[in-house]
C-alpha atoms as a PDB file:
ATOM      1  CA  UNK A   1       0.266  -0.105  -0.004  1.00  0.00           C
ATOM      2  CA  UNK A   2       1.129   3.267  -0.949  1.00  0.00           C
ATOM      3  CA  UNK A   3       1.391   5.369   2.562  1.00  0.00           C
ATOM      4  CA  UNK A   4       2.422   8.682   0.900  1.00  0.00           C
ATOM      5  CA  UNK A   5      -0.034  11.654   1.623  1.00  0.00           C
ATOM      6  CA  UNK A   6      -1.749  12.890  -1.380  1.00  0.00           C
ATOM      7  CA  UNK A   7      -1.528  16.710  -1.908  1.00  0.00           C
ATOM      8  CA  UNK A   8      -4.232  18.231  -3.434  1.00  0.00           C
ATOM      9  CA  UNK A   9      -3.359  21.181  -5.989  1.00  0.00           C
ATOM     10  CA  UNK A  10      -5.756  23.567  -7.103  1.00  0.00           C
ATOM     11  CA  UNK A  11      -4.938  25.387 -10.595  1.00  0.00           C
ATOM     12  CA  UNK A  12      -5.762  28.917 -10.992  1.00  0.00           C
ATOM     13  CA  UNK A  13      -9.473  28.748 -11.832  1.00  0.00           C
ATOM     14  CA  UNK A  14     -10.171  26.191  -9.019  1.00  0.00           C
ATOM     15  CA  UNK A  15      -8.100  28.123  -6.437  1.00  0.00           C
ATOM     16  CA  UNK A  16      -9.890  31.381  -7.248  1.00  0.00           C
ATOM     17  CA  UNK A  17     -13.241  29.668  -6.930  1.00  0.00           C
ATOM     18  CA  UNK A  18     -12.333  27.876  -3.783  1.00  0.00           C
ATOM     19  CA  UNK A  19     -11.609  31.037  -2.033  1.00  0.00           C
ATOM     20  CA  UNK A  20     -14.509  32.804  -3.663  1.00  0.00           C
ATOM     21  CA  UNK A  21     -12.589  35.350  -5.522  1.00  0.00           C
ATOM     22  CA  UNK A  22     -12.230  36.283  -9.327  1.00  0.00           C
ATOM     23  CA  UNK A  23      -9.046  34.982 -11.045  1.00  0.00           C
ATOM     24  CA  UNK A  24      -7.969  38.556 -11.029  1.00  0.00           C
ATOM     25  CA  UNK A  25      -8.674  38.724  -7.235  1.00  0.00           C
ATOM     26  CA  UNK A  26      -6.277  35.758  -6.825  1.00  0.00           C
ATOM     27  CA  UNK A  27      -3.508  37.338  -8.667  1.00  0.00           C
ATOM     28  CA  UNK A  28      -4.248  40.848  -6.722  1.00  0.00           C
ATOM     29  CA  UNK A  29      -4.165  38.822  -3.380  1.00  0.00           C
ATOM     30  CA  UNK A  30      -0.890  37.096  -4.495  1.00  0.00           C
ATOM     31  CA  UNK A  31       0.698  40.592  -5.109  1.00  0.00           C
ATOM     32  CA  UNK A  32      -0.658  42.544  -2.543  1.00  0.00           C
ATOM     33  CA  UNK A  33      -1.046  39.986   0.847  1.00  0.00           C
ATOM     34  CA  UNK A  34       2.259  38.708   2.119  1.00  0.00           C
ATOM     35  CA  UNK A  35       0.708  36.219   4.110  1.00  0.00           C
ATOM     36  CA  UNK A  36      -1.114  34.577   1.007  1.00  0.00           C
ATOM     37  CA  UNK A  37       0.341  31.352  -0.082  1.00  0.00           C
ATOM     38  CA  UNK A  38       3.000  31.379  -2.809  1.00  0.00           C
ATOM     39  CA  UNK A  39       2.011  29.517  -6.073  1.00  0.00           C
ATOM     40  CA  UNK A  40       3.715  26.541  -7.088  1.00  0.00           C
ATOM     41  CA  UNK A  41       5.038  26.637 -10.544  1.00  0.00           C
ATOM     42  CA  UNK A  42       4.698  23.540 -12.482  1.00  0.00           C
ATOM     43  CA  UNK A  43       5.798  24.720 -15.914  1.00  0.00           C
ATOM     44  CA  UNK A  44       6.014  27.901 -17.887  1.00  0.00           C
ATOM     45  CA  UNK A  45       2.144  28.245 -18.243  1.00  0.00           C
ATOM     46  CA  UNK A  46       0.954  26.053 -15.453  1.00  0.00           C
ATOM     47  CA  UNK A  47       0.765  27.171 -11.661  1.00  0.00           C
ATOM     48  CA  UNK A  48      -1.188  25.841  -8.623  1.00  0.00           C
ATOM     49  CA  UNK A  49      -1.876  26.233  -4.929  1.00  0.00           C
ATOM     50  CA  UNK A  50      -1.635  23.608  -2.248  1.00  0.00           C
ATOM     51  CA  UNK A  51      -5.388  23.335  -1.159  1.00  0.00           C
ATOM     52  CA  UNK A  52      -4.087  22.903   2.650  1.00  0.00           C
ATOM     53  CA  UNK A  53      -2.326  26.245   2.291  1.00  0.00           C
ATOM     54  CA  UNK A  54      -5.314  27.910   1.097  1.00  0.00           C
ATOM     55  CA  UNK A  55      -7.301  26.418   4.022  1.00  0.00           C
ATOM     56  CA  UNK A  56      -4.633  27.653   6.483  1.00  0.00           C
ATOM     57  CA  UNK A  57      -4.649  31.340   4.889  1.00  0.00           C
ATOM     58  CA  UNK A  58      -8.468  31.419   5.206  1.00  0.00           C
ATOM     59  CA  UNK A  59      -8.380  30.071   8.756  1.00  0.00           C
ATOM     60  CA  UNK A  60      -5.906  32.861   9.612  1.00  0.00           C
ATOM     61  CA  UNK A  61      -8.416  35.569   8.256  1.00  0.00           C
ATOM     62  CA  UNK A  62     -11.187  34.354  10.324  1.00  0.00           C
ATOM     63  CA  UNK A  63     -12.093  37.044  12.996  1.00  0.00           C
ATOM     64  CA  UNK A  64      -9.816  39.579  11.292  1.00  0.00           C
ATOM     65  CA  UNK A  65     -10.586  43.051  10.176  1.00  0.00           C
END
């Protein structure tokens, strides 16, 4: 059996929908919020974000503001 944990990677469109922003909003967060998770560059035209990193970022925003 494979005991390696699976890392769920969300592509740009999926990541934006997951956190409830547009693709432009996702880009803006990436540019302006130093706490926002860094994207993972898979190739020159393919990036993604770890779902677990987005979950942790959203949890850190709860109650803030």
